[in-house]
Amino acid sequence: VRFQKILFCGIFKIHYMNTLSPDFQKLLSDCADTYTKNALKEAPTGTTISIHALTARAATVYEKVRYLVDYKDEHVIRRSAIERILKRILFIENKQEAGKALLHELVSGRYLPNDTIPESEAVAIQAIIDVFRPCLSTIKASLRLTHTEQVIFTVLASEVEAHLFPDAIDEYLSNAFFAYLKPRIQYDGDLSPEAFDTQLFIACRKGLLKSDDGDLRYQLFCRMLGIAPRQFNAEALTFARPRYAEVVARIDDALSEPIGASLLGRIKNHAIYFYFIREIIIRHKTGAGEIVSDTARLDEAVRTALTEKYEIENTKLKRSGTRAILYILATKVLLALPFEALYEWYIIKSVHYTPLAINLLFHPSLLFLLTRNIKPLGDDNTARVIAGIHEVISGDASKPIVIRAKESGTLQFLFSALYIALFALSFGLLIWLLTALSFNPVSIIFFVLFVALVSYFGLRIRHNAERWRVYVNNDKVWPLFWNSLTLPVVRLGMWLTRTFSAINVFVFVMDFLVESSFKIILKVFDSFLTFLKDKKEETY
């Protein structure tokens, strides 16, 4: 009925006034207050950080190359850069004015705007770093961080990012999303209410804000120690220091809890509804309340936002696909092909060019096809999003989300045995086909590993491209069979990606052997350009 009403209003432009739930009214009020306060803030004064355009261009190119060999989703690159730069500044270069150095590098890498950030901001960043210094006092120049120290360092980088890029609106929305879902979820498993709330908290941030493990560790660290984000101080950290290892272990358990993936999948549609509520609030700021109160204006605003998002996701799809293809090509050319060629030349004593050519060209081609052949979302999906948003803002009682406990031990054993059988079938068929094509053992190993990587990258990129698709039950047999057959390959790709990111040789070379020297050269070059500019002004 609500779906038909949305279509009817859209066709005949009839204006109805929406009834807003008390919780949603509070969300709008909190967001409006934030925008009002931000509008009243005085613009920063004083000398700003200025980087010459040539220096900034060179630094930006380096950053793009750096994240070509260390593939990451676009939305986590900024915090990753802060963490990487801080490690080098603090533990390799041993700079005392780390806050100032960090800001200069973020501006030169175009993570922050040029000629905008006041130099006085370095004092605030330095204060954050100094708060965390006692926690990291055991780290030496080798950067062999223990797991607990690595988590603390991620928290430091996240705290700096939260200071430089504050986003109270996202925090309000994430909390509202959690509050909306909590009474609508039925869970009958073994987790305690507190542990399940943590899983729901994680799922809400993943679903709505696409939080990665780094951001989740920061949020959970704050949550478990009772410290609000952007409120860390030396006293609180000193008091909590004996609990660090315990808290990190609890965070690890929470992030690895199997029920989290199931919960995230079940709240996906609601995450889409809240995301476009977020879009309306961000676009209309203090006027968002007027938009959502009027059915016709709300529907039109959502349609406009969805159309733009469809276009943006299509562009991001192509860009992410290109980055992933270049990453696969670079890894194969620099790592896989030399091993294969050496094995054939010195062990087999003969070169089989067909397997070498297939190993070089197949994986980038497969990834290209996986990231280009995606069906666009249509009007039906838009109407479903609009109907879901109306349900959220009115607080209507939606169908409960049932999260069931794990199956019994016997069933778990049977399911595990079935999964192992699928694993053997998938890889057995692949290895049989490669053997028939005269692949040697080394070529087979690299082919299988890169098929797994490509499958995982392709699936992740396709998932991001279909982020706004509202899920409806689809019980078609062929997709179910294909997903079951390819699941072991994709899971292997996920494991390889996470493992390889920890031992990425190219990243080690760039971070420890290239970056420090390159940044010193850039700094000298920027100072020389400033010197020339001053001399030119003196001449005239």
Protein backbone atom coordinates (compact mmCIF):
# COMPACT_ATOMS: atom_id res chain seq x y z
CA VAL A 1 0.00 0.00 0.00
CA ARG A 2 2.76 2.46 0.89
CA PHE A 3 4.61 1.50 -2.31
CA GLN A 4 1.47 2.34 -4.37
CA LYS A 5 1.01 5.62 -2.48
CA ILE A 6 4.58 6.68 -3.31
CA LEU A 7 4.02 6.03 -7.01
CA PHE A 8 0.64 7.82 -6.91
CA CYS A 9 2.12 10.91 -5.27
CA GLY A 10 5.01 10.95 -7.71
CA ILE A 11 2.70 10.87 -10.74
CA PHE A 12 0.07 13.38 -9.61
CA LYS A 13 2.28 15.62 -7.40
CA ILE A 14 -0.18 15.49 -4.50
CA HIS A 15 1.33 16.88 -1.29
CA TYR A 16 0.81 14.94 1.92
CA MET A 17 2.41 15.87 5.22
CA ASN A 18 4.49 13.15 6.82
CA THR A 19 4.15 12.32 10.50
CA LEU A 20 7.61 12.18 12.05
CA SER A 21 8.41 9.90 14.96
CA PRO A 22 9.82 11.50 18.14
CA ASP A 23 13.19 9.79 17.60
CA PHE A 24 13.42 11.13 14.07
CA GLN A 25 12.45 14.63 15.20
CA LYS A 26 15.30 14.51 17.73
CA LEU A 27 17.74 13.43 15.00
CA LEU A 28 16.70 16.39 12.85
CA SER A 29 16.98 18.75 15.80
CA ASP A 30 20.48 17.56 16.73
CA CYS A 31 21.69 17.87 13.14
CA ALA A 32 20.14 21.34 12.72
CA ASP A 33 21.82 22.51 15.94
CA THR A 34 25.18 21.26 14.64
CA TYR A 35 24.81 23.14 11.36
CA THR A 36 23.76 26.29 13.21
CA LYS A 37 26.80 26.11 15.49
CA ASN A 38 29.12 25.49 12.53
CA ALA A 39 27.70 28.51 10.72
CA LEU A 40 28.45 30.72 13.74
CA LYS A 41 32.07 29.59 14.01
CA GLU A 42 34.62 32.20 13.10
CA ALA A 43 36.94 31.44 10.20
CA PRO A 44 40.50 30.60 11.35
CA THR A 45 42.99 33.44 11.20
CA GLY A 46 46.76 33.63 10.96
CA THR A 47 49.33 32.19 8.59
CA THR A 48 48.10 29.20 6.61
CA ILE A 49 50.06 26.19 5.40
CA SER A 50 51.04 26.77 1.78
CA ILE A 51 52.61 24.22 -0.58
CA HIS A 52 53.79 25.08 -4.09
CA ALA A 53 51.60 23.57 -6.83
CA LEU A 54 54.51 21.59 -8.36
CA THR A 55 55.40 20.07 -5.00
CA ALA A 56 51.77 19.18 -4.33
CA ARG A 57 51.45 17.58 -7.76
CA ALA A 58 54.54 15.42 -7.21
CA ALA A 59 53.34 14.39 -3.72
CA THR A 60 49.89 13.53 -5.07
CA VAL A 61 51.38 11.34 -7.79
CA TYR A 62 53.43 9.52 -5.14
CA GLU A 63 50.31 8.92 -3.03
CA LYS A 64 48.49 7.44 -6.02
CA VAL A 65 51.40 5.13 -6.81
CA ARG A 66 51.67 4.17 -3.14
CA TYR A 67 48.04 3.04 -3.04
CA LEU A 68 48.37 1.30 -6.34
CA VAL A 69 50.68 -1.29 -4.73
CA ASP A 70 48.66 -1.31 -1.48
CA TYR A 71 45.07 -1.70 -2.67
CA LYS A 72 42.51 -0.17 -0.31
CA ASP A 73 38.95 1.08 -0.61
CA GLU A 74 38.85 4.81 -1.34
CA HIS A 75 37.07 5.80 1.87
CA VAL A 76 39.85 4.44 4.13
CA ILE A 77 42.85 5.87 2.26
CA ARG A 78 42.90 9.13 4.26
CA ARG A 79 43.22 7.51 7.69
CA SER A 80 45.69 5.01 6.31
CA ALA A 81 47.83 7.91 5.03
CA ILE A 82 47.73 9.62 8.44
CA GLU A 83 48.80 6.39 10.14
CA ARG A 84 51.61 5.73 7.66
CA ILE A 85 52.97 9.30 7.79
CA LEU A 86 52.85 9.38 11.58
CA LYS A 87 54.81 6.12 11.85
CA ARG A 88 57.57 7.51 9.65
CA ILE A 89 57.65 10.92 11.34
CA LEU A 90 57.65 9.57 14.89
CA PHE A 91 59.75 6.41 14.69
CA ILE A 92 62.03 6.76 11.68
CA GLU A 93 62.66 10.48 11.38
CA ASN A 94 62.13 11.12 15.13
CA LYS A 95 60.71 14.58 14.55
CA GLN A 96 59.72 16.54 17.63
CA GLU A 97 57.25 18.82 15.82
CA ALA A 98 55.28 15.87 14.47
CA GLY A 99 51.99 17.79 14.29
CA LYS A 100 53.41 20.44 11.97
CA ALA A 101 55.17 17.88 9.78
CA LEU A 102 51.99 15.80 9.48
CA LEU A 103 49.88 18.79 8.41
CA HIS A 104 52.43 19.81 5.77
CA GLU A 105 52.43 16.32 4.28
CA LEU A 106 48.63 16.05 4.32
CA VAL A 107 48.39 19.38 2.50
CA SER A 108 51.08 18.41 -0.03
CA GLY A 109 49.29 15.10 -0.67
CA ARG A 110 46.01 17.04 -1.11
CA TYR A 111 44.28 15.29 1.77
CA LEU A 112 43.81 18.85 3.15
CA PRO A 113 43.22 22.00 1.07
CA ASN A 114 46.18 24.25 0.28
CA ASP A 115 46.38 27.78 1.76
CA THR A 116 43.47 27.03 4.11
CA ILE A 117 44.73 25.23 7.23
CA PRO A 118 46.24 27.63 9.80
CA GLU A 119 49.67 26.75 11.13
CA SER A 120 48.25 27.05 14.64
CA GLU A 121 46.34 23.81 13.97
CA ALA A 122 49.66 22.01 14.40
CA VAL A 123 49.51 22.77 18.14
CA ALA A 124 46.24 20.83 18.52
CA ILE A 125 47.55 17.88 16.50
CA GLN A 126 50.76 17.87 18.54
CA ALA A 127 48.71 17.77 21.75
CA ILE A 128 46.88 14.64 20.52
CA ILE A 129 50.16 12.96 19.62
CA ASP A 130 51.70 13.86 23.00
CA VAL A 131 48.74 12.27 24.80
CA PHE A 132 49.50 8.94 23.09
CA ARG A 133 53.32 9.07 23.32
CA PRO A 134 53.58 7.20 26.67
CA CYS A 135 51.49 4.36 25.20
CA LEU A 136 53.95 3.98 22.31
CA SER A 137 57.22 4.57 24.15
CA THR A 138 58.47 1.00 23.56
CA ILE A 139 58.26 1.21 19.76
CA LYS A 140 61.67 1.42 18.12
CA ALA A 141 62.74 2.45 14.65
CA SER A 142 62.21 -1.10 13.40
CA LEU A 143 58.46 -0.52 13.70
CA ARG A 144 57.88 -4.04 14.95
CA LEU A 145 54.70 -3.21 16.74
CA THR A 146 52.93 -5.73 18.89
CA HIS A 147 49.28 -6.25 18.01
CA THR A 148 48.19 -4.11 20.97
CA GLU A 149 50.59 -1.31 19.99
CA GLN A 150 49.33 -1.44 16.41
CA VAL A 151 45.74 -1.04 17.61
CA ILE A 152 46.78 1.90 19.83
CA PHE A 153 48.51 3.51 16.87
CA THR A 154 45.40 3.05 14.72
CA VAL A 155 43.40 4.72 17.51
CA LEU A 156 45.87 7.64 17.46
CA ALA A 157 45.56 8.03 13.67
CA SER A 158 41.77 7.84 13.93
CA GLU A 159 41.73 10.46 16.69
CA VAL A 160 43.82 12.80 14.52
CA GLU A 161 41.50 12.19 11.57
CA ALA A 162 38.44 12.85 13.75
CA HIS A 163 39.98 16.16 14.81
CA LEU A 164 40.90 17.25 11.29
CA PHE A 165 37.70 16.00 9.67
CA PRO A 166 34.99 16.14 12.35
CA ASP A 167 31.64 14.69 11.34
CA ALA A 168 29.04 14.96 14.07
CA ILE A 169 26.24 14.31 11.55
CA ASP A 170 27.49 10.80 10.84
CA GLU A 171 27.70 10.06 14.56
CA TYR A 172 24.12 11.25 15.12
CA LEU A 173 22.91 9.13 12.21
CA SER A 174 24.82 6.04 13.28
CA ASN A 175 23.40 6.31 16.79
CA ALA A 176 19.88 6.89 15.42
CA PHE A 177 20.28 3.86 13.15
CA PHE A 178 21.29 1.73 16.13
CA ALA A 179 18.37 3.01 18.22
CA TYR A 180 15.92 2.36 15.36
CA LEU A 181 17.05 -1.23 14.79
CA LYS A 182 17.54 -2.41 18.36
CA PRO A 183 13.83 -2.91 19.28
CA ARG A 184 13.12 -4.40 15.83
CA ILE A 185 15.62 -7.26 16.06
CA GLN A 186 14.79 -10.61 17.59
CA TYR A 187 17.77 -12.69 18.64
CA ASP A 188 17.63 -16.08 20.37
CA GLY A 189 21.30 -17.02 20.43
CA ASP A 190 23.94 -17.48 23.12
CA LEU A 191 25.48 -13.99 23.06
CA SER A 192 24.83 -11.78 26.07
CA PRO A 193 22.71 -8.65 25.48
CA GLU A 194 25.86 -6.52 25.81
CA ALA A 195 27.79 -8.64 23.29
CA PHE A 196 24.88 -8.60 20.82
CA ASP A 197 24.57 -4.81 21.17
CA THR A 198 28.26 -4.60 20.23
CA GLN A 199 27.58 -6.70 17.13
CA LEU A 200 24.66 -4.46 16.19
CA PHE A 201 26.84 -1.38 16.76
CA ILE A 202 29.48 -2.82 14.39
CA ALA A 203 26.87 -3.76 11.77
CA CYS A 204 25.31 -0.28 11.89
CA ARG A 205 28.63 1.46 11.26
CA LYS A 206 29.60 -1.00 8.53
CA GLY A 207 26.25 -0.80 6.80
CA LEU A 208 25.72 2.95 7.01
CA LEU A 209 29.24 4.42 7.02
CA LYS A 210 31.25 1.54 5.42
CA SER A 211 33.57 1.54 8.45
CA ASP A 212 36.62 -0.68 8.05
CA ASP A 213 38.38 -2.60 10.82
CA GLY A 214 40.56 0.40 11.66
CA ASP A 215 37.62 2.71 12.28
CA LEU A 216 35.75 -0.02 14.14
CA ARG A 217 38.73 -0.64 16.42
CA TYR A 218 38.80 3.08 17.21
CA GLN A 219 35.07 3.21 17.93
CA LEU A 220 35.11 0.02 20.01
CA PHE A 221 38.21 1.17 21.91
CA CYS A 222 36.35 4.34 22.86
CA ARG A 223 33.15 2.44 23.64
CA MET A 224 34.81 -0.19 25.87
CA LEU A 225 36.92 2.33 27.79
CA GLY A 226 34.07 4.82 28.13
CA ILE A 227 35.99 7.60 26.34
CA ALA A 228 34.13 9.67 23.76
CA PRO A 229 35.82 10.13 20.35
CA ARG A 230 37.94 13.32 20.23
CA GLN A 231 38.03 13.35 24.04
CA PHE A 232 41.22 11.41 24.76
CA ASN A 233 43.46 12.86 27.46
CA ALA A 234 46.58 11.74 29.27
CA GLU A 235 44.76 11.01 32.54
CA ALA A 236 42.16 8.74 30.93
CA LEU A 237 44.75 6.81 28.90
CA THR A 238 47.06 6.38 31.90
CA PHE A 239 44.16 5.05 33.98
CA ALA A 240 43.11 2.64 31.21
CA ARG A 241 46.62 1.48 30.27
CA PRO A 242 46.58 -1.76 32.34
CA ARG A 243 43.43 -2.79 30.45
CA TYR A 244 44.78 -2.26 26.91
CA ALA A 245 45.56 -5.93 26.19
CA GLU A 246 42.18 -7.05 27.58
CA VAL A 247 40.28 -4.42 25.57
CA VAL A 248 42.15 -5.25 22.35
CA ALA A 249 41.36 -8.95 22.85
CA ARG A 250 37.67 -8.11 23.31
CA ILE A 251 37.74 -5.99 20.17
CA ASP A 252 39.31 -8.85 18.20
CA ASP A 253 36.64 -11.25 19.46
CA ALA A 254 33.89 -8.81 18.51
CA LEU A 255 35.25 -8.26 14.98
CA SER A 256 35.64 -12.01 14.38
CA GLU A 257 32.21 -13.01 15.77
CA PRO A 258 30.48 -15.05 12.99
CA ILE A 259 27.06 -13.57 13.65
CA GLY A 260 28.31 -10.14 12.53
CA ALA A 261 28.23 -11.01 8.80
CA SER A 262 24.70 -12.41 9.09
CA LEU A 263 23.50 -9.34 10.97
CA LEU A 264 25.07 -6.98 8.43
CA GLY A 265 23.30 -8.73 5.57
CA ARG A 266 19.94 -8.57 7.33
CA ILE A 267 20.07 -4.80 7.97
CA LYS A 268 21.36 -3.85 4.49
CA ASN A 269 18.03 -2.42 3.29
CA HIS A 270 17.62 -0.28 6.39
CA ALA A 271 21.18 0.99 5.96
CA ILE A 272 20.21 2.22 2.48
CA TYR A 273 17.18 4.07 3.87
CA PHE A 274 19.27 5.77 6.54
CA TYR A 275 22.01 6.63 4.08
CA PHE A 276 19.61 8.66 1.92
CA ILE A 277 18.14 10.30 5.00
CA ARG A 278 21.76 11.29 5.64
CA GLU A 279 22.02 12.67 2.10
CA ILE A 280 18.93 14.84 2.59
CA ILE A 281 20.21 16.18 5.92
CA ILE A 282 23.66 16.97 4.46
CA ARG A 283 22.23 18.65 1.35
CA HIS A 284 19.51 20.70 3.04
CA LYS A 285 21.10 21.20 6.47
CA THR A 286 18.77 23.22 8.72
CA GLY A 287 16.02 22.98 6.07
CA ALA A 288 15.98 19.16 6.11
CA GLY A 289 13.00 19.11 8.48
CA GLU A 290 10.81 20.95 5.95
CA ILE A 291 11.80 18.50 3.21
CA VAL A 292 11.06 15.29 5.12
CA SER A 293 7.76 16.67 6.45
CA ASP A 294 6.38 17.07 2.92
CA THR A 295 5.81 13.77 1.09
CA ALA A 296 6.20 15.13 -2.44
CA ARG A 297 9.33 17.16 -1.67
CA LEU A 298 10.87 14.24 0.20
CA ASP A 299 10.19 11.85 -2.67
CA GLU A 300 11.66 14.25 -5.21
CA ALA A 301 14.74 14.85 -3.03
CA VAL A 302 15.33 11.10 -2.69
CA ARG A 303 14.92 10.54 -6.44
CA THR A 304 17.43 13.29 -7.16
CA ALA A 305 19.93 11.91 -4.64
CA LEU A 306 19.54 8.35 -5.93
CA THR A 307 20.01 9.39 -9.57
CA GLU A 308 23.21 11.21 -8.66
CA LYS A 309 24.45 8.28 -6.57
CA TYR A 310 23.81 5.85 -9.42
CA GLU A 311 26.01 8.01 -11.66
CA ILE A 312 28.71 8.45 -8.99
CA GLU A 313 28.83 4.72 -8.26
CA ASN A 314 29.17 4.00 -11.96
CA THR A 315 32.19 6.36 -12.12
CA LYS A 316 33.69 4.88 -8.93
CA LEU A 317 33.12 1.41 -10.31
CA LYS A 318 35.26 2.16 -13.36
CA ARG A 319 37.93 3.90 -11.26
CA SER A 320 38.09 1.10 -8.68
CA GLY A 321 38.14 -1.50 -11.43
CA THR A 322 41.05 0.27 -13.14
CA ARG A 323 43.01 0.51 -9.87
CA ALA A 324 42.41 -3.18 -9.15
CA ILE A 325 43.47 -4.20 -12.68
CA LEU A 326 46.68 -2.15 -12.41
CA TYR A 327 47.35 -3.67 -8.97
CA ILE A 328 46.94 -7.20 -10.36
CA LEU A 329 49.12 -6.43 -13.38
CA ALA A 330 51.88 -4.86 -11.28
CA THR A 331 51.87 -7.76 -8.82
CA LYS A 332 51.99 -10.37 -11.60
CA VAL A 333 54.74 -8.65 -13.60
CA LEU A 334 56.93 -7.97 -10.56
CA LEU A 335 56.29 -11.12 -8.55
CA ALA A 336 54.58 -14.01 -10.33
CA LEU A 337 55.99 -14.01 -13.86
CA PRO A 338 59.70 -13.97 -12.82
CA PHE A 339 59.14 -17.06 -10.64
CA GLU A 340 57.28 -18.86 -13.41
CA ALA A 341 59.90 -18.00 -16.04
CA LEU A 342 62.82 -19.01 -13.80
CA TYR A 343 61.12 -22.31 -12.94
CA GLU A 344 60.66 -23.16 -16.61
CA TRP A 345 64.15 -22.07 -17.67
CA TYR A 346 66.17 -23.70 -14.88
CA ILE A 347 64.00 -26.59 -13.60
CA ILE A 348 61.92 -27.79 -16.55
CA LYS A 349 64.53 -26.64 -19.13
CA SER A 350 61.79 -25.64 -21.58
CA VAL A 351 59.46 -22.66 -21.91
CA HIS A 352 55.70 -23.10 -22.48
CA TYR A 353 54.55 -19.77 -23.82
CA THR A 354 50.82 -20.54 -23.81
CA PRO A 355 50.54 -20.94 -20.00
CA LEU A 356 52.74 -17.86 -19.50
CA ALA A 357 50.52 -15.79 -21.81
CA ILE A 358 47.34 -17.07 -20.16
CA ASN A 359 48.75 -16.33 -16.70
CA LEU A 360 49.63 -12.79 -17.76
CA LEU A 361 46.43 -11.82 -19.59
CA PHE A 362 43.63 -13.93 -18.11
CA HIS A 363 43.34 -12.37 -14.66
CA PRO A 364 43.26 -8.66 -15.70
CA SER A 365 40.76 -9.58 -18.43
CA LEU A 366 38.56 -11.46 -15.96
CA LEU A 367 38.63 -8.56 -13.53
CA PHE A 368 37.76 -6.17 -16.37
CA LEU A 369 34.69 -8.25 -17.24
CA LEU A 370 33.63 -8.58 -13.59
CA THR A 371 33.76 -4.82 -13.02
CA ARG A 372 32.18 -3.69 -16.31
CA ASN A 373 29.17 -5.96 -16.72
CA ILE A 374 26.90 -4.68 -13.93
CA LYS A 375 23.18 -4.11 -14.48
CA PRO A 376 22.09 -0.55 -13.58
CA LEU A 377 19.51 0.01 -10.85
CA GLY A 378 16.09 1.14 -12.07
CA ASP A 379 12.89 2.93 -11.02
CA ASP A 380 11.58 -0.04 -9.05
CA ASN A 381 14.60 0.13 -6.76
CA THR A 382 14.12 3.90 -6.33
CA ALA A 383 10.48 3.37 -5.33
CA ARG A 384 11.50 0.74 -2.76
CA VAL A 385 14.04 3.12 -1.23
CA ILE A 386 11.43 5.89 -0.97
CA ALA A 387 8.90 3.54 0.64
CA GLY A 388 11.52 2.38 3.16
CA ILE A 389 12.45 5.96 4.07
CA HIS A 390 8.81 6.80 4.78
CA GLU A 391 8.67 3.80 7.08
CA VAL A 392 11.76 4.98 8.97
CA ILE A 393 10.77 8.62 9.48
CA SER A 394 7.29 7.71 10.69
CA GLY A 395 8.57 5.03 13.06
CA ASP A 396 6.08 2.50 11.69
CA ALA A 397 6.39 -1.01 13.08
CA SER A 398 8.18 -2.91 10.35
CA LYS A 399 8.56 -6.67 10.07
CA PRO A 400 10.90 -7.92 12.82
CA ILE A 401 14.44 -8.87 11.81
CA VAL A 402 15.02 -12.38 13.15
CA ILE A 403 18.62 -13.39 13.85
CA ARG A 404 18.83 -17.07 14.64
CA ALA A 405 21.45 -18.87 16.70
CA LYS A 406 24.00 -21.22 15.19
CA GLU A 407 22.81 -24.65 14.16
CA SER A 408 23.48 -27.64 16.37
CA GLY A 409 26.90 -29.25 16.49
CA THR A 410 25.84 -32.09 14.16
CA LEU A 411 24.49 -29.71 11.54
CA GLN A 412 27.58 -27.51 11.84
CA PHE A 413 29.73 -30.56 11.16
CA LEU A 414 27.64 -31.51 8.13
CA PHE A 415 27.76 -27.94 6.79
CA SER A 416 31.54 -27.82 7.28
CA ALA A 417 31.92 -31.14 5.45
CA LEU A 418 29.78 -29.82 2.60
CA TYR A 419 31.88 -26.66 2.40
CA ILE A 420 35.09 -28.73 2.25
CA ALA A 421 33.54 -30.78 -0.54
CA LEU A 422 32.69 -27.58 -2.43
CA PHE A 423 36.24 -26.36 -1.86
CA ALA A 424 37.68 -29.59 -3.28
CA LEU A 425 35.28 -29.55 -6.23
CA SER A 426 35.98 -25.91 -7.15
CA PHE A 427 39.75 -26.15 -7.00
CA GLY A 428 39.83 -29.71 -8.34
CA LEU A 429 38.04 -28.68 -11.54
CA LEU A 430 40.31 -25.66 -11.93
CA ILE A 431 43.53 -27.64 -11.42
CA TRP A 432 42.35 -30.38 -13.80
CA LEU A 433 41.70 -27.78 -16.53
CA LEU A 434 45.08 -26.10 -16.02
CA THR A 435 46.90 -29.44 -16.14
CA ALA A 436 45.17 -30.16 -19.44
CA LEU A 437 46.56 -26.84 -20.75
CA SER A 438 50.14 -27.91 -19.89
CA PHE A 439 50.54 -25.66 -16.84
CA ASN A 440 53.44 -26.60 -14.58
CA PRO A 441 52.99 -26.76 -10.76
CA VAL A 442 54.32 -23.22 -10.18
CA SER A 443 52.09 -21.80 -12.92
CA ILE A 444 49.08 -23.61 -11.45
CA ILE A 445 49.77 -22.21 -7.97
CA PHE A 446 50.06 -18.63 -9.23
CA PHE A 447 47.03 -19.00 -11.50
CA VAL A 448 44.84 -20.28 -8.67
CA LEU A 449 46.05 -17.61 -6.24
CA PHE A 450 45.40 -14.80 -8.71
CA VAL A 451 42.00 -16.20 -9.69
CA ALA A 452 41.10 -16.06 -5.99
CA LEU A 453 42.39 -12.48 -5.68
CA VAL A 454 40.59 -11.35 -8.83
CA SER A 455 37.35 -13.04 -7.75
CA TYR A 456 37.47 -11.30 -4.38
CA PHE A 457 38.33 -7.89 -5.84
CA GLY A 458 35.62 -8.27 -8.47
CA LEU A 459 33.01 -9.32 -5.93
CA ARG A 460 33.92 -6.46 -3.60
CA ILE A 461 33.78 -3.88 -6.39
CA ARG A 462 30.45 -5.27 -7.68
CA HIS A 463 29.09 -5.22 -4.13
CA ASN A 464 30.03 -1.55 -3.79
CA ALA A 465 28.45 -0.77 -7.17
CA GLU A 466 25.18 -2.38 -6.04
CA ARG A 467 25.30 -0.75 -2.65
CA TRP A 468 21.95 0.99 -3.21
CA ARG A 469 20.04 -2.07 -4.41
CA VAL A 470 17.21 -2.93 -2.01
CA TYR A 471 17.23 -6.67 -1.44
CA VAL A 472 14.15 -8.68 -2.39
CA ASN A 473 13.87 -12.44 -2.10
CA ASN A 474 15.40 -14.15 -5.12
CA ASP A 475 15.27 -17.94 -5.06
CA LYS A 476 16.58 -18.61 -8.57
CA VAL A 477 18.50 -21.87 -8.77
CA TRP A 478 21.36 -20.87 -11.10
CA PRO A 479 22.68 -17.90 -9.02
CA LEU A 480 22.51 -20.09 -5.89
CA PHE A 481 24.48 -22.88 -7.59
CA TRP A 482 27.08 -20.50 -9.04
CA ASN A 483 27.56 -18.65 -5.73
CA SER A 484 28.02 -21.96 -3.92
CA LEU A 485 30.62 -23.14 -6.44
CA THR A 486 32.64 -19.91 -6.39
CA LEU A 487 32.38 -19.22 -2.63
CA PRO A 488 35.58 -21.18 -1.71
CA VAL A 489 37.55 -19.28 -4.37
CA VAL A 490 36.29 -15.90 -3.13
CA ARG A 491 36.99 -16.80 0.50
CA LEU A 492 40.56 -17.75 -0.40
CA GLY A 493 40.92 -14.38 -2.15
CA MET A 494 39.73 -12.58 0.97
CA TRP A 495 42.26 -14.46 3.12
CA LEU A 496 45.07 -13.75 0.64
CA THR A 497 44.21 -10.04 0.51
CA ARG A 498 44.33 -9.68 4.27
CA THR A 499 47.48 -11.78 4.60
CA PHE A 500 49.31 -10.12 1.70
CA SER A 501 48.53 -6.65 3.04
CA ALA A 502 50.52 -7.54 6.17
CA ILE A 503 53.59 -8.77 4.24
CA ASN A 504 53.42 -6.55 1.15
CA VAL A 505 57.07 -6.24 0.05
CA PHE A 506 56.35 -3.33 -2.28
CA VAL A 507 54.73 -1.35 0.52
CA PHE A 508 57.72 -2.03 2.78
CA VAL A 509 60.12 -0.78 0.11
CA MET A 510 58.11 2.38 -0.53
CA ASP A 511 57.47 3.18 3.13
CA PHE A 512 60.96 2.55 4.50
CA LEU A 513 63.37 2.93 1.59
CA VAL A 514 61.70 5.42 -0.73
CA GLU A 515 59.25 7.64 1.13
CA SER A 516 61.58 9.32 3.63
CA SER A 517 64.11 10.30 0.96
CA PHE A 518 61.39 11.37 -1.45
CA LYS A 519 59.68 13.59 1.13
CA ILE A 520 63.02 15.22 2.07
CA ILE A 521 63.65 16.02 -1.60
CA LEU A 522 60.13 17.43 -1.92
CA LYS A 523 60.61 19.62 1.14
CA VAL A 524 63.92 21.01 -0.18
CA PHE A 525 62.34 21.54 -3.60
CA ASP A 526 59.36 23.38 -2.09
CA SER A 527 61.70 25.59 -0.03
CA PHE A 528 63.73 26.37 -3.17
CA LEU A 529 60.58 27.36 -5.09
CA THR A 530 59.57 29.64 -2.22
CA PHE A 531 63.06 31.16 -2.27
CA LEU A 532 62.78 31.86 -6.02
CA LYS A 533 59.34 33.39 -5.55
CA ASP A 534 60.64 35.72 -2.82
CA LYS A 535 63.59 36.79 -5.00
CA LYS A 536 61.24 37.50 -7.88
CA GLU A 537 59.04 39.69 -5.68
CA GLU A 538 62.13 41.56 -4.43
CA THR A 539 63.14 42.23 -8.03
CA TYR A 540 59.87 43.94 -8.81
